[in-house]
Structure formats: C-alpha cells, structure tokens
C-alpha cells in the first residue's frame, strides 16, 4: 500500500515495505501518473518506510527520473533508510537522484 499526498508545490509518494519485482507494478503506475500529471512540477518520493529495494524497484525510479527530466520536472527522494541508502550507493544512483534527509529539506529547496 502506498500513500500519495498532493501539496501545492509538490506531490509526495510514500511507498511502504519493499519495492521489488513482486509488488512494484502499482507503485510504478502511481509514480508515472504523478510524473505525467500537469499539476505536478515537483515530486518527492519518501522512502522512509521502504525496507528493501531490488533492481526492479530501482528501474522504476530511474525510468521515472528520465521521464521527469524530459518533462522538465523535478523528482527527488527523501528519508532513505540505511539499507536502502547502501543499495543506492553501491549502484551509484545516489549520484543520479537528488536526495534529501526529509520533507523539510526538500520543501526548503523548492521554496
């Protein structure tokens, strides 16, 4: 189950549990809808409740990042747990994504 919060400046998606090949389809759909929406100039993916991410989950994020860039939108990530951060660092995706400690840092950056 995922939560989607729409704020005037940004949409926040909060996936829960694991983002893996077995369950990433619904998240991918919600993320693509958010990126394609004309209402969203900025998107924040809060990974604070994600315990594990595999290559399928990473590919969804990379695909959404590419789509956001093509549409001149900002896609950022926040609240990454230590195990997930290690995966981002090992795959060097921490250099691809704009990563914030939390919501406050993100909202300060887009203000």
Protein backbone atom coordinates (compact mmCIF):
# COMPACT_ATOMS: atom_id res chain seq x y z
CA UNK A 1 0.00 0.00 0.00
CA UNK A 2 1.25 3.46 -0.88
CA UNK A 3 0.20 6.92 0.19
CA UNK A 4 0.06 9.86 -2.19
CA UNK A 5 -0.03 13.37 -0.74
CA UNK A 6 -0.63 16.33 -3.04
CA UNK A 7 0.70 19.66 -1.84
CA UNK A 8 0.62 22.97 -3.71
CA UNK A 9 4.33 22.80 -4.50
CA UNK A 10 4.82 19.06 -4.86
CA UNK A 11 3.34 15.61 -4.80
CA UNK A 12 4.75 13.20 -2.22
CA UNK A 13 4.65 9.45 -2.80
CA UNK A 14 5.32 7.18 0.18
CA UNK A 15 5.79 3.54 -0.76
CA UNK A 16 5.71 1.04 2.10
CA UNK A 17 7.61 -2.18 2.75
CA UNK A 18 9.62 -3.48 -0.19
CA UNK A 19 9.90 -2.25 -3.75
CA UNK A 20 10.65 -5.43 -5.63
CA UNK A 21 9.64 -7.34 -8.75
CA UNK A 22 6.71 -8.94 -6.94
CA UNK A 23 4.98 -5.67 -5.99
CA UNK A 24 6.44 -2.72 -7.86
CA UNK A 25 3.75 -2.53 -10.57
CA UNK A 26 1.24 -0.49 -8.56
CA UNK A 27 3.93 1.93 -7.41
CA UNK A 28 5.16 2.29 -10.99
CA UNK A 29 1.64 3.17 -12.15
CA UNK A 30 1.18 5.78 -9.39
CA UNK A 31 4.62 7.26 -9.99
CA UNK A 32 4.11 7.51 -13.75
CA UNK A 33 0.70 9.14 -13.23
CA UNK A 34 2.26 11.68 -10.87
CA UNK A 35 5.10 12.48 -13.28
CA UNK A 36 2.72 12.86 -16.24
CA UNK A 37 0.20 14.99 -14.33
CA UNK A 38 0.11 18.64 -15.35
CA UNK A 39 -0.48 19.55 -11.69
CA UNK A 40 2.96 18.40 -10.59
CA UNK A 41 6.10 20.38 -11.23
CA UNK A 42 7.94 18.62 -8.42
CA UNK A 43 7.68 15.13 -6.99
CA UNK A 44 9.13 13.76 -3.78
CA UNK A 45 9.44 10.04 -3.15
CA UNK A 46 9.64 9.41 0.59
CA UNK A 47 11.45 6.09 1.06
CA UNK A 48 11.34 6.24 4.87
CA UNK A 49 9.04 3.20 5.09
CA UNK A 50 10.84 1.16 2.41
CA UNK A 51 12.87 -1.63 3.96
CA UNK A 52 14.24 -3.17 0.75
CA UNK A 53 14.53 -2.29 -2.92
CA UNK A 54 15.70 -4.59 -5.71
CA UNK A 55 16.67 -3.96 -9.33
CA UNK A 56 13.01 -3.80 -10.42
CA UNK A 57 12.33 -1.06 -7.87
CA UNK A 58 15.46 0.82 -8.90
CA UNK A 59 14.47 0.59 -12.57
CA UNK A 60 11.07 2.13 -11.81
CA UNK A 61 12.78 5.05 -10.09
CA UNK A 62 15.33 5.51 -12.89
CA UNK A 63 12.58 5.37 -15.52
CA UNK A 64 10.52 7.96 -13.64
CA UNK A 65 13.59 10.18 -13.26
CA UNK A 66 14.22 10.05 -17.02
CA UNK A 67 10.58 10.85 -17.75
CA UNK A 68 10.60 13.74 -15.27
CA UNK A 69 13.74 15.19 -16.86
CA UNK A 70 12.19 15.01 -20.34
CA UNK A 71 9.14 16.87 -19.00
CA UNK A 72 11.28 19.44 -17.13
CA UNK A 73 10.01 18.30 -13.75
CA UNK A 74 11.86 17.79 -10.50
CA UNK A 75 11.90 14.30 -9.00
CA UNK A 76 13.61 13.93 -5.63
CA UNK A 77 13.93 11.29 -2.93
CA UNK A 78 13.98 11.68 0.84
CA UNK A 79 14.17 9.77 4.11
CA UNK A 80 16.19 6.83 2.82
CA UNK A 81 16.80 4.11 5.40
CA UNK A 82 20.36 2.89 5.86
CA UNK A 83 19.91 -0.45 3.97
CA UNK A 84 18.27 1.28 1.02
CA UNK A 85 20.89 4.05 1.04
CA UNK A 86 23.59 1.37 0.79
CA UNK A 87 21.93 -0.01 -2.35
CA UNK A 88 21.80 3.49 -3.85
CA UNK A 89 25.49 3.98 -3.05
CA UNK A 90 26.57 0.57 -4.40
CA UNK A 91 24.72 1.22 -7.66
CA UNK A 92 25.90 4.86 -7.68
CA UNK A 93 22.31 6.02 -8.02
CA UNK A 94 22.96 8.40 -5.13
CA UNK A 95 24.74 10.47 -7.80
CA UNK A 96 21.73 10.37 -10.15
CA UNK A 97 18.97 11.36 -7.75
CA UNK A 98 18.55 14.48 -5.68
CA UNK A 99 18.33 13.03 -2.15
CA UNK A 100 17.12 14.95 0.90
CA UNK A 101 17.17 14.00 4.57
CA UNK A 102 13.45 14.70 4.90
CA UNK A 103 10.42 16.66 3.76
CA UNK A 104 11.53 19.91 5.37
CA UNK A 105 14.83 19.99 3.47
CA UNK A 106 13.03 19.25 0.20
CA UNK A 107 10.39 21.94 0.73
CA UNK A 108 13.07 24.46 1.71
CA UNK A 109 14.90 23.69 -1.54
CA UNK A 110 11.85 24.21 -3.74
CA UNK A 111 10.57 27.31 -1.92
